[in-house]
N, C-alpha and C. Protein backbone atom coordinates (compact mmCIF):
# COMPACT_ATOMS: atom_id res chain seq x y z
N UNK A 1 21.29 1.10 -3.36
CA UNK A 1 20.30 0.18 -2.50
C UNK A 1 18.94 0.64 -2.89
N UNK A 2 18.18 -0.15 -3.19
CA UNK A 2 16.44 -0.04 -3.78
C UNK A 2 15.85 -0.30 -2.37
N UNK A 3 15.23 0.66 -2.02
CA UNK A 3 14.45 0.52 -0.93
C UNK A 3 13.00 0.41 -1.34
N UNK A 4 12.14 -0.97 -0.97
CA UNK A 4 10.69 -0.82 -1.43
C UNK A 4 9.57 -0.89 -0.34
N UNK A 5 8.87 0.00 -0.72
CA UNK A 5 7.74 0.32 0.38
C UNK A 5 6.31 0.10 -0.38
N UNK A 6 5.32 -0.58 0.23
CA UNK A 6 4.05 -0.70 -0.29
C UNK A 6 3.04 0.12 0.57
N UNK A 7 2.36 1.25 0.14
CA UNK A 7 1.47 2.16 0.78
C UNK A 7 0.20 1.55 0.19
N UNK A 8 -0.50 1.20 1.35
CA UNK A 8 -1.89 0.63 1.38
C UNK A 8 -2.91 1.94 1.30
N UNK A 9 -3.73 2.06 0.43
CA UNK A 9 -4.74 3.09 0.36
C UNK A 9 -6.51 2.60 0.43
N UNK A 10 -7.20 3.42 0.93
CA UNK A 10 -8.47 3.20 1.06
C UNK A 10 -9.24 4.30 -0.03
N UNK A 11 -9.98 3.67 -0.97
CA UNK A 11 -10.54 4.68 -1.92
C UNK A 11 -9.84 5.90 -2.42
N UNK A 12 -8.70 5.72 -2.93
CA UNK A 12 -8.00 6.79 -3.46
C UNK A 12 -8.80 7.16 -4.86
N UNK A 13 -8.37 8.20 -5.17
CA UNK A 13 -9.21 9.12 -6.35
C UNK A 13 -9.35 7.97 -7.90
N UNK A 14 -8.29 7.44 -7.79
CA UNK A 14 -8.31 6.54 -9.12
C UNK A 14 -9.19 5.30 -9.02
N UNK A 15 -9.42 4.92 -7.69
CA UNK A 15 -10.05 3.39 -7.35
C UNK A 15 -10.94 3.53 -6.03
N UNK A 16 -11.99 4.48 -6.30
CA UNK A 16 -13.12 4.79 -5.38
C UNK A 16 -13.63 3.20 -4.86
N UNK A 17 -13.72 3.42 -3.37
CA UNK A 17 -14.36 2.23 -2.84
C UNK A 17 -13.59 0.91 -2.83
N UNK A 18 -12.53 1.00 -3.14
CA UNK A 18 -11.38 -0.32 -3.10
C UNK A 18 -10.06 0.11 -2.41
N UNK A 19 -9.47 -1.11 -1.96
CA UNK A 19 -8.46 -1.00 -1.34
C UNK A 19 -7.16 -0.92 -2.37
N UNK A 20 -6.05 -0.18 -2.16
CA UNK A 20 -5.22 -0.48 -3.15
C UNK A 20 -3.69 -0.38 -2.51
N UNK A 21 -2.91 -1.25 -2.92
CA UNK A 21 -1.61 -1.40 -2.56
C UNK A 21 -0.51 -0.95 -3.64
N UNK A 22 0.08 0.01 -3.56
CA UNK A 22 1.14 0.66 -4.54
C UNK A 22 2.53 0.38 -4.07
N UNK A 23 3.46 -0.07 -4.88
CA UNK A 23 4.64 -0.31 -4.68
C UNK A 23 5.44 1.06 -5.12
N UNK A 24 6.56 1.53 -3.90
CA UNK A 24 7.55 2.43 -4.00
C UNK A 24 8.61 1.77 -4.09
N UNK A 25 9.82 2.33 -5.01
CA UNK A 25 11.10 2.34 -4.95
C UNK A 25 11.88 3.48 -4.72
N UNK A 26 12.39 3.64 -3.76
CA UNK A 26 13.14 4.84 -3.21
C UNK A 26 12.22 5.86 -3.20
N UNK A 27 11.00 6.07 -2.76
CA UNK A 27 9.91 6.98 -2.73
C UNK A 27 9.46 7.34 -4.44
N UNK A 28 9.87 6.49 -5.03
CA UNK A 28 9.13 6.73 -6.51
C UNK A 28 8.13 5.76 -6.80
N UNK A 29 7.00 6.03 -7.25
CA UNK A 29 5.84 5.04 -7.73
C UNK A 29 6.27 4.00 -8.79
N UNK A 30 5.93 3.33 -8.59
CA UNK A 30 6.23 1.85 -9.50
C UNK A 30 4.60 1.75 -10.38
N UNK A 31 4.56 0.84 -11.26
CA UNK A 31 3.29 0.47 -12.03
C UNK A 31 2.88 -0.51 -11.13
N UNK A 32 3.61 -1.25 -10.30
CA UNK A 32 2.98 -2.51 -9.59
C UNK A 32 1.66 -2.27 -8.27
N UNK A 33 0.82 -2.56 -8.74
CA UNK A 33 -0.31 -2.37 -7.93
C UNK A 33 -1.12 -3.68 -7.32
N UNK A 34 -1.77 -3.74 -6.22
CA UNK A 34 -2.74 -4.57 -5.75
C UNK A 34 -4.14 -3.67 -5.62
N UNK A 35 -5.35 -4.32 -6.05
CA UNK A 35 -6.50 -3.85 -6.18
C UNK A 35 -7.46 -4.81 -5.63
N UNK A 36 -8.30 -4.39 -4.52
CA UNK A 36 -9.44 -5.19 -3.83
C UNK A 36 -10.50 -4.92 -3.32
N UNK A 37 -11.67 -5.32 -3.50
CA UNK A 37 -12.77 -4.64 -2.81
C UNK A 37 -12.71 -4.81 -1.19
N UNK A 38 -11.80 -5.89 -0.91
CA UNK A 38 -11.69 -6.14 0.53
C UNK A 38 -10.30 -5.84 1.11
N UNK A 39 -9.81 -5.80 2.25
CA UNK A 39 -8.29 -5.62 2.75
C UNK A 39 -7.85 -6.91 2.88
N UNK A 40 -8.37 -8.22 3.27
CA UNK A 40 -7.82 -9.15 3.54
C UNK A 40 -7.00 -9.77 2.35
N UNK A 41 -7.33 -9.90 1.12
CA UNK A 41 -6.27 -10.15 -0.02
C UNK A 41 -5.18 -9.49 -0.01
N UNK A 42 -5.09 -8.03 0.28
CA UNK A 42 -4.11 -7.06 0.22
C UNK A 42 -3.09 -7.50 1.10
N UNK A 43 -3.63 -7.52 2.39
CA UNK A 43 -2.83 -7.93 3.68
C UNK A 43 -2.36 -9.18 3.65
N UNK A 44 -2.93 -10.29 2.85
CA UNK A 44 -2.37 -11.59 2.89
C UNK A 44 -1.25 -11.61 1.84
N UNK A 45 -1.51 -10.99 0.73
CA UNK A 45 -0.40 -10.98 -0.20
C UNK A 45 1.07 -10.27 0.19
N UNK A 46 0.45 -9.35 1.09
CA UNK A 46 1.92 -8.52 1.57
C UNK A 46 2.67 -9.30 2.43
N UNK A 47 1.69 -10.06 3.39
CA UNK A 47 2.40 -10.90 4.28
C UNK A 47 3.13 -12.07 3.66
N UNK A 48 2.70 -12.63 2.78
CA UNK A 48 3.23 -13.80 1.84
C UNK A 48 4.83 -13.32 1.30
N UNK A 49 4.85 -11.99 1.19
CA UNK A 49 6.12 -11.50 0.64
C UNK A 49 6.96 -11.21 1.66
N UNK A 50 6.68 -11.53 3.03
CA UNK A 50 7.42 -11.12 4.10
C UNK A 50 7.62 -9.78 4.82
N UNK A 51 6.71 -9.04 4.40
CA UNK A 51 6.73 -7.68 4.74
C UNK A 51 6.26 -7.42 6.17
N UNK A 52 6.32 -6.33 6.56
CA UNK A 52 6.24 -6.05 7.83
C UNK A 52 5.08 -4.79 8.06
N UNK A 53 4.13 -4.67 8.54
CA UNK A 53 3.30 -3.48 8.48
C UNK A 53 3.72 -2.49 9.54
N UNK A 54 3.29 -1.20 9.07
CA UNK A 54 3.86 -0.22 9.78
C UNK A 54 2.50 0.83 9.78
N UNK A 55 2.14 1.52 11.13
CA UNK A 55 1.26 2.58 10.87
C UNK A 55 1.59 3.85 9.93
N UNK A 56 0.64 4.35 9.29
CA UNK A 56 0.71 5.67 8.66
C UNK A 56 1.27 6.79 9.59
N UNK A 57 1.58 7.63 8.81
CA UNK A 57 2.40 9.03 9.67
C UNK A 57 1.09 9.95 9.57
N UNK A 58 1.05 10.74 10.57
CA UNK A 58 0.20 11.88 10.78
C UNK A 58 0.01 12.60 9.56
N UNK A 59 1.01 12.92 8.83
CA UNK A 59 1.01 13.94 7.81
C UNK A 59 0.67 13.25 6.70
N UNK A 60 0.73 12.00 6.37
CA UNK A 60 0.21 11.01 5.08
C UNK A 60 -0.97 11.62 4.73
N UNK A 61 -0.97 11.24 3.40
CA UNK A 61 -2.45 11.58 2.49
C UNK A 61 -3.45 10.68 3.26
N UNK A 62 -4.61 11.44 3.65
CA UNK A 62 -5.64 10.81 4.54
C UNK A 62 -5.81 9.26 3.94
N UNK A 63 -5.87 9.19 2.58
CA UNK A 63 -6.10 7.81 1.95
C UNK A 63 -5.33 6.70 2.40
N UNK A 64 -4.08 6.86 2.64
CA UNK A 64 -3.20 5.93 3.23
C UNK A 64 -3.41 5.36 4.59
N UNK A 65 -3.51 4.15 4.49
CA UNK A 65 -3.88 3.28 5.58
C UNK A 65 -2.83 2.82 6.65
N UNK A 66 -1.73 2.52 5.64
CA UNK A 66 -0.58 1.78 6.43
C UNK A 66 0.36 1.69 5.32
N UNK A 67 1.67 1.34 5.67
CA UNK A 67 2.65 1.07 4.83
C UNK A 67 3.12 -0.31 5.15
N UNK A 68 3.84 -0.96 4.13
CA UNK A 68 4.57 -2.53 4.54
C UNK A 68 6.05 -2.24 4.09
N UNK A 69 6.93 -2.73 4.86
CA UNK A 69 8.45 -2.73 4.38
C UNK A 69 8.87 -3.95 4.44
C-alpha cells in the first residue's frame, strides 16, 4: 500500500522565501512539488485534493510547517 503525504515548507534551502509542498510516498520524496510565494494557493490545492491538514511534529525540520494526508 502506498501512503502519500504532502509536507509544506516555508523557505527551504532550495526555495528561499517561498512555500513549497513536496509529495512523499511511503516516506520517500517524489519529484512532485508545488511552489508559491504565498501560502493560500498551496493550501487550496491540497484541500481540492481532499487532504486533511496536520500540525508538524516537534522533531521535524524547522522549515516544515505542516503535513497533509
